[in-house]
Amino acid sequence: MPRGDGRLSQDLDPQRPGPQDACGVFGVWGPGEEVAKLTYFGLYALQHRGQEAAGIAVSDGSGVVVYKDLGLVAQVFDEPTLASLRGHLAIGHTRYSTTGGSTWENAQPTIRATSAGTTIALAHNGNLVNTAELAREVADRGLPTDPATTSDTALVTALLAGRPDMSVEAAALEVLPTLRGAFSFVFMDETTLYAARDAHGVRPLVLGRLERGWVVASETAALDIVGASFVREVEPGELLAIDEDGLRSSRFAAPEPKGCLFEYVYIARPDTTIAGRNVHAARVQIGRQLAKEHPVEADMVIPVPESGTPAAIGYAAESGITYGSGLVKNAYVGRTFIQPSQTLRQLGIRLKLNPLRENIRGKRIVVVDDSIVRGNTQRAIVRMLREAGALEVHVRISSPPVNWPCFYGIDFATRAELLANGLDNDGIRRSIGADSLGYVSLGGLVAATEQPKTRLCRACFDGDYPIPLPAGNLIGKHVLEGVARRVDAEAEQRNDGGAERPAASDQLVAQRLAASSNGGGTHRS
């Protein structure tokens, strides 16, 4: 997976990626500012959170315009496009899909006109777990939807637009309590910027101040990029509204904080601050803890760049082992729509990393990485280091074993594909070919965040999901496509004299999703 900050994919095959990121959201209310360009640079700072698609919505007070496409932020937007997006408020999104496939129709911001003559655009970071339930509500109420969209975000937009007898703010206070799962939203109508965060605050969302306006963003690093000063985090269960009358705050749910622990390990930029804790400092402390828990005699500590660098610095400082460079990253590896040939695919990680043989040859190496998911990357790195002449290769991981998938906005592998599921530590060590393997403990990781364990979501490590998951199979990235397939299967059984007639709402959901492969359209909505 390409990363905007140079971090490495957890898998070698682009068709079988490792942990993918949550999305990035950005919003600005700034009369007199070039809000589209501010949003562009904000999204550029958040590119690491998703590389599938990018989009910006703007309003000049009389109408909302959306421009979006598949690709990186710099691929989607150019100077003439940004110059055409004029207004006083804007929202933006950079996407990795966690509900709904990677299609143009599912790119964000989503947009929906109301019968009252207003327009709502919305961008979402996170993932809802009651998506199928929301799809039935949309169908039962006969709300208009684009049949080619299959994302939970589109459903929320339809529900907000489906209350024309009330303001968007009032509609949000009615809709938001019905959503279950993780969400950090930025949304807008013609005059107002809104931001909302689920009651557990799983995904980050922060508020910043411009000289002539306000900014909301997934990470504090995006505030820095656009010259906004950090004000505070958007609180769990809070709705903000920003317009010419200033900033208003409302509560739609009691806060029960469960911030994502994996943000500290991998997702967030190292120059971001979460809950008052600088991410780089946390990762260095994780490395120190890793050295205490898993010491080894070695000649050099090297990181897997760039995600392993802070922890490797901490490991070297605590252990007294020399820190050095052993792997060089190709700085220009990014998302491409040209898949490598079989010959290049067999080279695997060498497309992204190459060893410094003179530094490695004849040495006992400690190599530090952020996580192991399927193990393909670590297996290839160990092999590469041995071929470069390393005498020993000791792998140290700055997170506990990933045993459980995430349903709150990170697209991990399924549990069956997770290397740590079914293998003990020695089994994993043998699988990747290392001389030794050590993971930081869950307690050590939590301590490095300086957050109480009770305020963190640790589900991918310990299986303790703070937001209840739905029964059956009504969850997952393609849940809406799955509802359609299930209804189709029931219809076939009925035609054969089999199962009962499916609910009318399921039929309507299926009808509205049946055209999902026929989508198309221009960039502008």
Protein backbone atom coordinates (compact mmCIF):
# COMPACT_ATOMS: atom_id res chain seq x y z
CA MET A 1 0.00 0.00 0.00
CA PRO A 2 1.45 3.38 -0.92
CA ARG A 3 1.71 5.82 1.90
CA GLY A 4 1.80 9.58 1.65
CA ASP A 5 4.39 9.78 4.44
CA GLY A 6 6.60 7.08 2.97
CA ARG A 7 5.43 4.21 5.14
CA LEU A 8 5.52 0.69 3.88
CA SER A 9 2.78 -1.71 2.87
CA GLN A 10 2.35 -4.78 5.00
CA ASP A 11 2.06 -7.01 1.96
CA LEU A 12 3.92 -7.56 -1.27
CA ASP A 13 1.02 -8.34 -3.57
CA PRO A 14 -0.97 -5.21 -4.41
CA GLN A 15 -4.05 -7.37 -4.77
CA ARG A 16 -3.71 -8.63 -1.17
CA PRO A 17 -2.90 -5.61 0.98
CA GLY A 18 -2.23 -5.59 4.70
CA PRO A 19 -3.77 -3.11 7.14
CA GLN A 20 -5.31 -0.24 5.22
CA ASP A 21 -5.91 3.11 6.77
CA ALA A 22 -8.92 4.90 7.99
CA CYS A 23 -9.91 7.81 5.74
CA GLY A 24 -8.94 11.44 6.20
CA VAL A 25 -11.47 14.28 6.52
CA PHE A 26 -11.01 18.04 6.45
CA GLY A 27 -13.35 21.00 6.63
CA VAL A 28 -12.91 24.77 6.60
CA TRP A 29 -15.21 27.75 7.14
CA GLY A 30 -13.27 30.81 6.03
CA PRO A 31 -14.86 33.79 4.28
CA GLY A 32 -12.17 35.55 2.28
CA GLU A 33 -9.93 32.47 2.21
CA GLU A 34 -9.18 30.22 -0.76
CA VAL A 35 -11.03 27.37 0.92
CA ALA A 36 -10.54 24.84 -1.89
CA LYS A 37 -6.77 25.28 -1.76
CA LEU A 38 -6.74 25.09 2.03
CA THR A 39 -8.72 21.86 1.78
CA TYR A 40 -6.34 20.53 -0.88
CA PHE A 41 -3.33 21.09 1.36
CA GLY A 42 -5.20 19.68 4.35
CA LEU A 43 -5.98 16.53 2.37
CA TYR A 44 -2.38 16.39 1.17
CA ALA A 45 -1.33 16.26 4.83
CA LEU A 46 -3.82 13.42 5.37
CA GLN A 47 -2.92 11.44 2.25
CA HIS A 48 -1.44 8.62 4.37
CA ARG A 49 -4.92 7.80 5.68
CA GLY A 50 -6.26 6.72 2.29
CA GLN A 51 -5.08 6.59 -1.29
CA GLU A 52 -8.05 5.29 -3.30
CA ALA A 53 -9.94 8.51 -4.00
CA ALA A 54 -10.10 12.18 -3.09
CA GLY A 55 -12.77 14.85 -3.27
CA ILE A 56 -13.65 18.40 -2.27
CA ALA A 57 -17.07 20.06 -1.86
CA VAL A 58 -17.37 23.86 -1.77
CA SER A 59 -20.17 26.39 -1.31
CA ASP A 60 -20.37 30.06 -2.11
CA GLY A 61 -23.66 30.42 -0.25
CA SER A 62 -25.88 29.72 -3.25
CA GLY A 63 -25.00 26.13 -4.06
CA VAL A 64 -22.74 23.19 -3.26
CA VAL A 65 -20.33 21.76 -5.86
CA VAL A 66 -18.39 18.49 -5.48
CA TYR A 67 -15.30 17.46 -7.44
CA LYS A 68 -13.93 13.97 -6.82
CA ASP A 69 -12.11 11.15 -8.55
CA LEU A 70 -10.12 7.98 -7.95
CA GLY A 71 -6.45 8.50 -7.17
CA LEU A 72 -4.16 10.50 -4.93
CA VAL A 73 -4.94 14.09 -3.98
CA ALA A 74 -2.28 15.42 -6.35
CA GLN A 75 -3.64 13.24 -9.17
CA VAL A 76 -7.24 14.35 -8.71
CA PHE A 77 -6.72 18.12 -8.40
CA ASP A 78 -4.74 20.66 -10.39
CA GLU A 79 -4.48 24.44 -10.26
CA PRO A 80 -7.32 25.20 -12.74
CA THR A 81 -9.68 22.81 -10.96
CA LEU A 82 -8.98 24.32 -7.54
CA ALA A 83 -9.36 27.84 -8.97
CA SER A 84 -12.84 26.92 -10.20
CA LEU A 85 -13.96 25.75 -6.75
CA ARG A 86 -14.88 29.09 -5.20
CA GLY A 87 -16.68 29.67 -1.95
CA HIS A 88 -16.41 30.42 1.74
CA LEU A 89 -16.64 26.89 3.12
CA ALA A 90 -15.43 23.50 1.97
CA ILE A 91 -15.01 19.91 3.07
CA GLY A 92 -12.67 17.27 1.72
CA HIS A 93 -11.98 13.56 1.90
CA THR A 94 -9.19 11.17 1.07
CA ARG A 95 -10.47 7.61 0.99
CA TYR A 96 -9.61 4.08 1.76
CA SER A 97 -12.78 2.02 1.42
CA THR A 98 -14.06 0.22 4.51
CA THR A 99 -17.70 -0.05 3.41
CA GLY A 100 -18.40 -0.20 -0.31
CA GLY A 101 -15.98 -1.00 -3.10
CA SER A 102 -13.33 1.29 -4.55
CA THR A 103 -15.45 2.92 -7.26
CA TRP A 104 -15.96 6.49 -8.42
CA GLU A 105 -19.54 6.41 -7.15
CA ASN A 106 -18.32 5.59 -3.62
CA ALA A 107 -15.74 8.39 -3.60
CA GLN A 108 -16.51 11.19 -1.16
CA PRO A 109 -17.80 13.72 -0.28
CA THR A 110 -21.24 12.29 -0.97
CA ILE A 111 -23.87 14.84 -2.00
CA ARG A 112 -27.66 14.87 -1.81
CA ALA A 113 -30.26 17.56 -2.54
CA THR A 114 -33.26 17.89 -0.24
CA SER A 115 -36.83 18.59 -1.29
CA ALA A 116 -36.53 21.84 0.65
CA GLY A 117 -34.03 23.07 -1.93
CA THR A 118 -30.84 22.76 0.12
CA THR A 119 -27.87 20.48 -0.56
CA ILE A 120 -25.88 18.33 1.88
CA ALA A 121 -22.34 17.07 1.26
CA LEU A 122 -20.68 14.70 3.73
CA ALA A 123 -17.27 13.07 4.31
CA HIS A 124 -16.71 10.19 6.72
CA ASN A 125 -13.78 8.64 8.54
CA GLY A 126 -14.69 5.40 10.27
CA ASN A 127 -17.09 2.56 9.69
CA LEU A 128 -20.65 1.91 10.85
CA VAL A 129 -21.72 -1.52 12.09
CA ASN A 130 -25.47 -1.11 11.54
CA THR A 131 -25.16 -0.36 7.82
CA ALA A 132 -27.65 -3.03 6.74
CA GLU A 133 -30.17 -1.68 9.24
CA LEU A 134 -29.73 1.84 7.88
CA ALA A 135 -30.13 0.57 4.31
CA ARG A 136 -33.51 -0.90 5.23
CA GLU A 137 -34.59 2.36 6.85
CA VAL A 138 -33.64 4.29 3.71
CA ALA A 139 -35.55 1.78 1.59
CA ASP A 140 -38.61 1.66 3.87
CA ARG A 141 -38.87 5.44 3.84
CA GLY A 142 -38.49 5.58 0.06
CA LEU A 143 -35.59 8.01 0.24
CA PRO A 144 -33.83 8.63 -3.07
CA THR A 145 -30.36 7.12 -3.38
CA ASP A 146 -27.89 6.61 -6.18
CA PRO A 147 -28.15 2.89 -7.03
CA ALA A 148 -24.44 2.80 -7.86
CA THR A 149 -23.33 3.81 -4.35
CA THR A 150 -22.78 1.11 -1.74
CA SER A 151 -21.24 2.99 1.16
CA ASP A 152 -22.52 3.66 4.67
CA THR A 153 -21.69 7.34 4.07
CA ALA A 154 -24.25 7.59 1.25
CA LEU A 155 -26.92 6.16 3.55
CA VAL A 156 -26.19 8.74 6.25
CA THR A 157 -26.34 11.51 3.66
CA ALA A 158 -29.72 10.23 2.43
CA LEU A 159 -31.06 10.13 6.00
CA LEU A 160 -29.91 13.69 6.70
CA ALA A 161 -31.45 14.92 3.44
CA GLY A 162 -34.64 12.96 4.12
CA ARG A 163 -35.86 15.40 6.78
CA PRO A 164 -36.77 18.51 4.71
CA ASP A 165 -39.10 19.82 7.42
CA MET A 166 -36.18 20.59 9.73
CA SER A 167 -32.78 22.26 9.54
CA VAL A 168 -29.68 20.21 8.77
CA GLU A 169 -28.52 20.76 12.34
CA ALA A 170 -31.81 19.46 13.75
CA ALA A 171 -31.79 16.54 11.31
CA ALA A 172 -28.26 15.65 12.41
CA LEU A 173 -29.28 15.63 16.08
CA GLU A 174 -32.04 13.19 15.12
CA VAL A 175 -29.97 10.94 12.82
CA LEU A 176 -26.62 10.75 14.64
CA PRO A 177 -27.97 8.88 17.72
CA THR A 178 -29.26 6.10 15.40
CA LEU A 179 -25.78 5.36 14.01
CA ARG A 180 -23.74 2.57 15.58
CA GLY A 181 -20.04 2.25 14.96
CA ALA A 182 -17.14 4.63 14.42
CA PHE A 183 -17.61 7.94 12.66
CA SER A 184 -15.88 11.26 12.44
CA PHE A 185 -17.97 13.32 10.03
CA VAL A 186 -17.44 16.67 8.36
CA PHE A 187 -20.47 17.84 6.39
CA MET A 188 -21.99 21.02 5.03
CA ASP A 189 -24.89 22.74 3.41
CA GLU A 190 -24.79 26.06 1.55
CA THR A 191 -24.00 28.16 4.61
CA THR A 192 -22.76 25.98 7.47
CA LEU A 193 -19.88 23.63 8.26
CA TYR A 194 -20.66 20.72 10.59
CA ALA A 195 -18.47 18.20 12.41
CA ALA A 196 -19.52 15.21 14.49
CA ARG A 197 -17.77 12.37 16.30
CA ASP A 198 -19.31 9.13 17.56
CA ALA A 199 -19.89 8.66 21.27
CA HIS A 200 -16.76 6.50 21.61
CA GLY A 201 -14.47 8.85 19.68
CA VAL A 202 -12.85 5.89 17.95
CA ARG A 203 -11.47 7.96 15.08
CA PRO A 204 -9.72 11.28 15.76
CA LEU A 205 -11.18 14.67 14.89
CA VAL A 206 -9.77 18.06 15.91
CA LEU A 207 -10.83 21.70 15.76
CA GLY A 208 -8.49 24.52 14.71
CA ARG A 209 -8.67 28.29 14.36
CA LEU A 210 -7.69 30.38 11.37
CA GLU A 211 -7.30 34.14 11.51
CA ARG A 212 -10.54 34.41 9.49
CA GLY A 213 -12.25 31.14 10.19
CA TRP A 214 -12.28 27.59 11.55
CA VAL A 215 -10.88 24.23 10.48
CA VAL A 216 -11.75 20.64 11.43
CA ALA A 217 -9.47 17.75 10.48
CA SER A 218 -8.63 14.15 11.23
CA GLU A 219 -5.18 15.05 12.60
CA THR A 220 -3.44 18.04 14.13
CA ALA A 221 -0.75 17.76 11.43
CA ALA A 222 -3.32 18.95 8.87
CA LEU A 223 -4.00 22.02 11.02
CA ASP A 224 -0.28 22.78 11.04
CA ILE A 225 -0.03 22.50 7.26
CA VAL A 226 -2.72 25.15 6.66
CA GLY A 227 -1.55 27.48 9.42
CA ALA A 228 -4.43 26.82 11.81
CA SER A 229 -3.86 26.79 15.57
CA PHE A 230 -5.10 23.78 17.53
CA VAL A 231 -8.11 24.58 19.71
CA ARG A 232 -9.27 21.19 21.00
CA GLU A 233 -10.51 17.77 19.99
CA VAL A 234 -14.09 17.39 18.88
CA GLU A 235 -15.55 15.54 21.84
CA PRO A 236 -17.09 12.07 21.54
CA GLY A 237 -20.83 12.48 21.06
CA GLU A 238 -20.51 16.14 20.00
CA LEU A 239 -21.92 18.00 16.99
CA LEU A 240 -20.32 21.29 15.98
CA ALA A 241 -21.93 23.84 13.66
CA ILE A 242 -19.94 26.78 12.27
CA ASP A 243 -21.46 29.65 10.30
CA GLU A 244 -21.57 33.46 10.23
CA ASP A 245 -22.96 33.45 13.78
CA GLY A 246 -19.90 31.61 15.09
CA LEU A 247 -19.40 28.14 16.55
CA ARG A 248 -22.15 26.14 18.27
CA SER A 249 -21.78 22.84 20.13
CA SER A 250 -24.51 20.28 20.80
CA ARG A 251 -24.51 16.85 22.42
CA PHE A 252 -26.25 13.92 20.73
CA ALA A 253 -24.80 11.16 22.96
CA ALA A 254 -23.06 10.77 26.29
CA PRO A 255 -19.29 10.36 25.78
CA GLU A 256 -17.76 6.91 26.32
CA PRO A 257 -14.18 7.41 25.01
CA LYS A 258 -12.55 4.46 23.21
CA GLY A 259 -9.90 6.00 20.96
CA CYS A 260 -8.22 3.67 18.46
CA LEU A 261 -4.95 2.28 19.86
CA PHE A 262 -3.70 1.46 16.36
CA GLU A 263 -3.58 5.19 15.57
CA TYR A 264 -0.54 5.38 17.87
CA VAL A 265 1.08 2.33 16.27
CA TYR A 266 0.68 3.01 12.57
CA ILE A 267 -2.12 5.18 11.25
CA ALA A 268 -1.46 8.71 12.48
CA ARG A 269 1.42 10.84 11.27
CA PRO A 270 4.31 11.03 13.75
CA ASP A 271 3.91 14.82 13.91
CA THR A 272 0.29 14.51 15.04
CA THR A 273 -0.90 14.83 18.63
CA ILE A 274 -3.68 12.59 19.95
CA ALA A 275 -5.26 13.22 23.35
CA GLY A 276 -2.34 15.45 24.26
CA ARG A 277 0.30 12.86 23.36
CA ASN A 278 2.69 13.42 20.44
CA VAL A 279 2.63 10.30 18.28
CA HIS A 280 6.39 10.32 17.57
CA ALA A 281 7.16 10.50 21.28
CA ALA A 282 4.74 7.65 21.95
CA ARG A 283 6.39 5.49 19.29
CA VAL A 284 9.88 6.17 20.65
CA GLN A 285 8.64 5.15 24.10
CA ILE A 286 7.13 1.97 22.61
CA GLY A 287 10.59 1.16 21.22
CA ARG A 288 12.17 1.69 24.63
CA GLN A 289 9.61 -0.62 26.19
CA LEU A 290 10.24 -3.18 23.46
CA ALA A 291 13.97 -3.18 24.31
CA LYS A 292 13.16 -3.77 27.98
CA GLU A 293 10.78 -6.62 27.23
CA HIS A 294 12.81 -8.28 24.45
CA PRO A 295 16.55 -7.57 24.78
CA VAL A 296 19.04 -9.27 22.48
CA GLU A 297 22.77 -9.11 21.79
CA ALA A 298 23.26 -7.46 18.42
CA ASP A 299 25.46 -5.04 16.50
CA MET A 300 22.92 -2.68 14.96
CA VAL A 301 19.27 -1.65 15.21
CA ILE A 302 17.58 -0.71 11.92
CA PRO A 303 14.01 0.36 11.17
CA VAL A 304 11.68 -0.71 8.41
CA PRO A 305 11.25 2.81 7.01
CA GLU A 306 9.37 4.85 7.76
CA SER A 307 6.80 3.33 10.12
CA GLY A 308 9.41 1.51 12.22
CA THR A 309 11.78 4.47 12.61
CA PRO A 310 10.64 6.08 15.91
CA ALA A 311 10.40 2.70 17.68
CA ALA A 312 13.83 1.71 16.34
CA ILE A 313 15.27 4.95 17.73
CA GLY A 314 13.75 4.11 21.11
CA TYR A 315 14.96 0.52 21.01
CA ALA A 316 18.52 1.60 20.20
CA ALA A 317 18.54 4.29 22.91
CA GLU A 318 17.29 1.90 25.60
CA SER A 319 19.44 -1.07 24.59
CA GLY A 320 22.65 0.83 23.86
CA ILE A 321 22.93 -0.91 20.48
CA THR A 322 24.02 1.31 17.60
CA TYR A 323 21.19 2.73 15.50
CA GLY A 324 21.83 2.64 11.77
CA SER A 325 20.36 2.51 8.30
CA GLY A 326 20.02 -0.89 6.71
CA LEU A 327 17.10 -0.49 4.33
CA VAL A 328 16.67 2.29 1.78
CA LYS A 329 13.15 3.24 0.73
CA ASN A 330 12.30 4.29 -2.80
CA ALA A 331 10.82 7.70 -2.03
CA TYR A 332 8.82 7.77 -5.27
CA VAL A 333 6.89 4.54 -4.84
CA GLY A 334 3.26 5.59 -4.74
CA ARG A 335 -0.14 4.49 -5.86
CA THR A 336 -0.14 3.41 -9.49
CA PHE A 337 -2.83 2.07 -11.73
CA ILE A 338 -0.21 0.06 -13.63
CA GLN A 339 0.23 -3.31 -11.95
CA PRO A 340 3.75 -4.78 -11.92
CA SER A 341 4.49 -7.66 -14.24
CA GLN A 342 4.92 -11.14 -12.81
CA THR A 343 8.70 -10.68 -13.03
CA LEU A 344 8.53 -7.45 -11.04
CA ARG A 345 6.02 -8.94 -8.59
CA GLN A 346 8.47 -11.71 -7.83
CA LEU A 347 10.96 -9.03 -6.80
CA GLY A 348 8.37 -8.12 -4.21
CA ILE A 349 9.62 -5.75 -1.56
CA ARG A 350 12.63 -4.65 -3.64
CA LEU A 351 10.31 -2.33 -5.53
CA LYS A 352 10.03 -0.41 -2.26
CA LEU A 353 13.12 -1.29 -0.20
CA ASN A 354 16.71 -2.19 -0.94
CA PRO A 355 19.38 -3.23 1.59
CA LEU A 356 22.55 -1.29 2.36
CA ARG A 357 24.84 -4.27 2.04
CA GLU A 358 27.94 -2.55 3.41
CA ASN A 359 26.09 -1.69 6.62
CA ILE A 360 24.53 -5.13 7.02
CA ARG A 361 27.23 -7.58 5.99
CA GLY A 362 28.70 -9.54 8.91
CA LYS A 363 26.42 -7.97 11.53
CA ARG A 364 23.77 -9.19 13.92
CA ILE A 365 20.75 -7.05 13.04
CA VAL A 366 17.68 -6.01 15.05
CA VAL A 367 15.01 -4.89 12.58
CA VAL A 368 12.05 -2.95 14.02
CA ASP A 369 8.63 -2.73 12.34
CA ASP A 370 5.22 -1.55 13.49
CA SER A 371 3.09 -4.69 13.06
CA ILE A 372 2.78 -8.12 11.48
CA VAL A 373 -0.46 -8.94 9.71
CA ARG A 374 0.04 -11.71 7.15
CA GLY A 375 3.80 -11.75 7.55
CA ASN A 376 4.68 -11.43 3.87
CA THR A 377 6.63 -8.20 4.31
CA GLN A 378 8.64 -9.42 7.29
CA ARG A 379 9.38 -12.73 5.56
CA ALA A 380 10.76 -10.90 2.54
CA ILE A 381 12.78 -8.45 4.66
CA VAL A 382 14.41 -11.21 6.69
CA ARG A 383 15.34 -13.03 3.49
CA MET A 384 16.69 -9.82 1.96
CA LEU A 385 18.85 -9.06 5.00
CA ARG A 386 20.29 -12.57 5.04
CA GLU A 387 21.11 -12.34 1.33
CA ALA A 388 22.88 -9.05 2.10
CA GLY A 389 25.14 -10.85 4.55
CA ALA A 390 23.48 -10.41 7.96
CA LEU A 391 24.75 -12.99 10.45
CA GLU A 392 21.56 -12.88 12.52
CA VAL A 393 18.18 -11.18 12.05
CA HIS A 394 16.12 -10.38 15.15
CA VAL A 395 12.65 -8.97 14.47
CA ARG A 396 11.03 -6.61 16.97
CA ILE A 397 7.45 -5.39 16.55
CA SER A 398 6.11 -2.22 18.18
CA SER A 399 2.60 -3.59 18.66
CA PRO A 400 1.16 -6.82 20.09
CA PRO A 401 0.10 -9.62 17.71
CA VAL A 402 -2.86 -8.58 15.55
CA ASN A 403 -5.35 -11.35 16.28
CA TRP A 404 -8.68 -9.78 15.37
CA PRO A 405 -10.05 -7.78 12.42
CA CYS A 406 -11.21 -4.18 12.83
CA PHE A 407 -14.82 -3.22 12.09
CA TYR A 408 -14.40 0.45 13.00
CA GLY A 409 -12.55 1.88 10.03
CA ILE A 410 -9.35 -0.09 9.35
CA ASP A 411 -9.54 -2.73 6.66
CA PHE A 412 -7.45 -5.53 8.13
CA ALA A 413 -7.29 -9.01 6.67
CA THR A 414 -9.96 -11.48 7.75
CA ARG A 415 -9.17 -13.34 10.95
CA ALA A 416 -8.34 -16.51 9.01
CA GLU A 417 -5.63 -14.57 7.13
CA LEU A 418 -4.01 -13.02 10.21
CA LEU A 419 -0.68 -14.73 10.85
CA ALA A 420 -0.99 -14.49 14.64
CA ASN A 421 -4.32 -16.33 14.57
CA GLY A 422 -3.45 -19.98 15.23
CA LEU A 423 0.33 -19.58 15.60
CA ASP A 424 2.28 -18.99 18.78
CA ASN A 425 5.28 -16.66 18.90
CA ASP A 426 7.75 -19.36 17.89
CA GLY A 427 5.51 -20.47 15.05
CA ILE A 428 5.42 -16.90 13.71
CA ARG A 429 9.20 -16.62 14.12
CA ARG A 430 9.73 -19.75 12.06
CA SER A 431 7.20 -18.55 9.47
CA ILE A 432 9.10 -15.31 8.82
CA GLY A 433 12.54 -16.95 9.16
CA ALA A 434 13.89 -14.75 11.98
CA ASP A 435 16.43 -15.79 14.62
CA SER A 436 14.20 -14.26 17.29
CA LEU A 437 10.91 -12.39 17.44
CA GLY A 438 9.52 -10.07 20.07
CA TYR A 439 6.28 -8.07 20.24
CA VAL A 440 5.71 -5.25 22.69
CA SER A 441 3.15 -6.20 25.33
CA LEU A 442 -0.33 -4.71 25.26
CA GLY A 443 0.32 -3.14 28.64
CA GLY A 444 3.56 -1.60 27.39
CA LEU A 445 1.85 -0.18 24.31
CA VAL A 446 -1.02 1.30 26.33
CA ALA A 447 1.42 2.87 28.81
CA ALA A 448 3.27 4.62 25.96
CA THR A 449 0.06 6.40 24.91
CA GLU A 450 -0.31 7.92 28.40
CA GLN A 451 -4.01 7.09 28.12
CA PRO A 452 -5.93 4.84 30.52
CA LYS A 453 -6.59 1.41 29.05
CA THR A 454 -10.31 1.97 29.57
CA ARG A 455 -10.28 4.94 27.14
CA LEU A 456 -8.76 2.97 24.25
CA CYS A 457 -10.19 0.55 21.69
CA ARG A 458 -7.85 -2.46 21.68
CA ALA A 459 -10.10 -4.84 19.74
CA CYS A 460 -7.57 -5.80 17.04
CA PHE A 461 -5.22 -6.98 19.79
CA ASP A 462 -7.53 -8.49 22.43
CA GLY A 463 -10.90 -9.03 20.68
CA ASP A 464 -12.74 -6.74 23.12
CA TYR A 465 -15.03 -4.79 20.77
CA PRO A 466 -16.42 -1.73 22.58
CA ILE A 467 -19.29 -1.25 20.09
CA PRO A 468 -21.45 -4.39 19.76
CA LEU A 469 -21.28 -6.05 16.36
CA PRO A 470 -24.42 -7.24 14.53
CA ALA A 471 -25.33 -10.90 14.45
CA GLY A 472 -24.92 -12.98 11.31
CA ASN A 473 -23.04 -11.69 8.30
CA LEU A 474 -24.48 -8.18 8.17
CA ILE A 475 -21.10 -6.51 8.54
CA GLY A 476 -17.99 -5.99 6.48
CA LYS A 477 -16.67 -3.96 3.59
CA HIS A 478 -19.21 -5.26 1.06
CA VAL A 479 -22.19 -5.57 3.39
CA LEU A 480 -24.53 -3.65 1.07
CA GLU A 481 -23.50 -5.67 -1.95
CA GLY A 482 -23.97 -8.68 0.31
CA VAL A 483 -27.54 -7.67 1.17
CA ALA A 484 -28.28 -7.49 -2.55
CA ARG A 485 -26.72 -10.91 -3.17
CA ARG A 486 -28.62 -12.42 -0.27
CA VAL A 487 -31.94 -11.09 -1.53
CA ASP A 488 -31.16 -12.40 -5.02
CA ALA A 489 -30.46 -15.83 -3.55
CA GLU A 490 -33.73 -15.79 -1.61
CA ALA A 491 -35.61 -14.82 -4.76
CA GLU A 492 -34.14 -17.80 -6.58
CA GLN A 493 -35.21 -20.09 -3.75
CA ARG A 494 -38.70 -18.62 -3.83
CA ASN A 495 -38.96 -19.21 -7.57
CA ASP A 496 -38.04 -22.82 -6.87
CA GLY A 497 -40.76 -23.10 -4.26
CA GLY A 498 -38.29 -22.75 -1.42
CA ALA A 499 -37.83 -20.01 1.15
CA GLU A 500 -40.34 -17.41 2.28
CA ARG A 501 -40.73 -14.14 0.40
CA PRO A 502 -38.07 -11.68 1.61
CA ALA A 503 -39.13 -8.50 3.30
CA ALA A 504 -40.19 -5.70 0.99
CA SER A 505 -37.44 -3.51 2.41
CA ASP A 506 -34.80 -6.09 1.45
CA GLN A 507 -36.22 -6.23 -2.07
CA LEU A 508 -36.04 -2.47 -2.37
CA VAL A 509 -32.47 -2.42 -1.05
CA ALA A 510 -31.58 -5.04 -3.66
CA GLN A 511 -33.24 -3.06 -6.44
CA ARG A 512 -31.36 0.07 -5.49
CA LEU A 513 -28.06 -1.72 -5.32
CA ALA A 514 -28.50 -3.92 -8.39
CA ALA A 515 -27.07 -1.30 -10.72
CA SER A 516 -23.88 -0.90 -8.68
CA SER A 517 -21.76 -2.20 -11.54
CA ASN A 518 -23.31 0.16 -14.10
CA GLY A 519 -22.16 3.40 -12.54
CA GLY A 520 -20.41 6.22 -14.28
CA GLY A 521 -20.47 9.93 -14.43
CA THR A 522 -18.42 13.06 -14.52
CA HIS A 523 -16.30 14.48 -11.76
CA ARG A 524 -18.75 17.21 -10.90
CA SER A 525 -22.05 16.69 -9.12
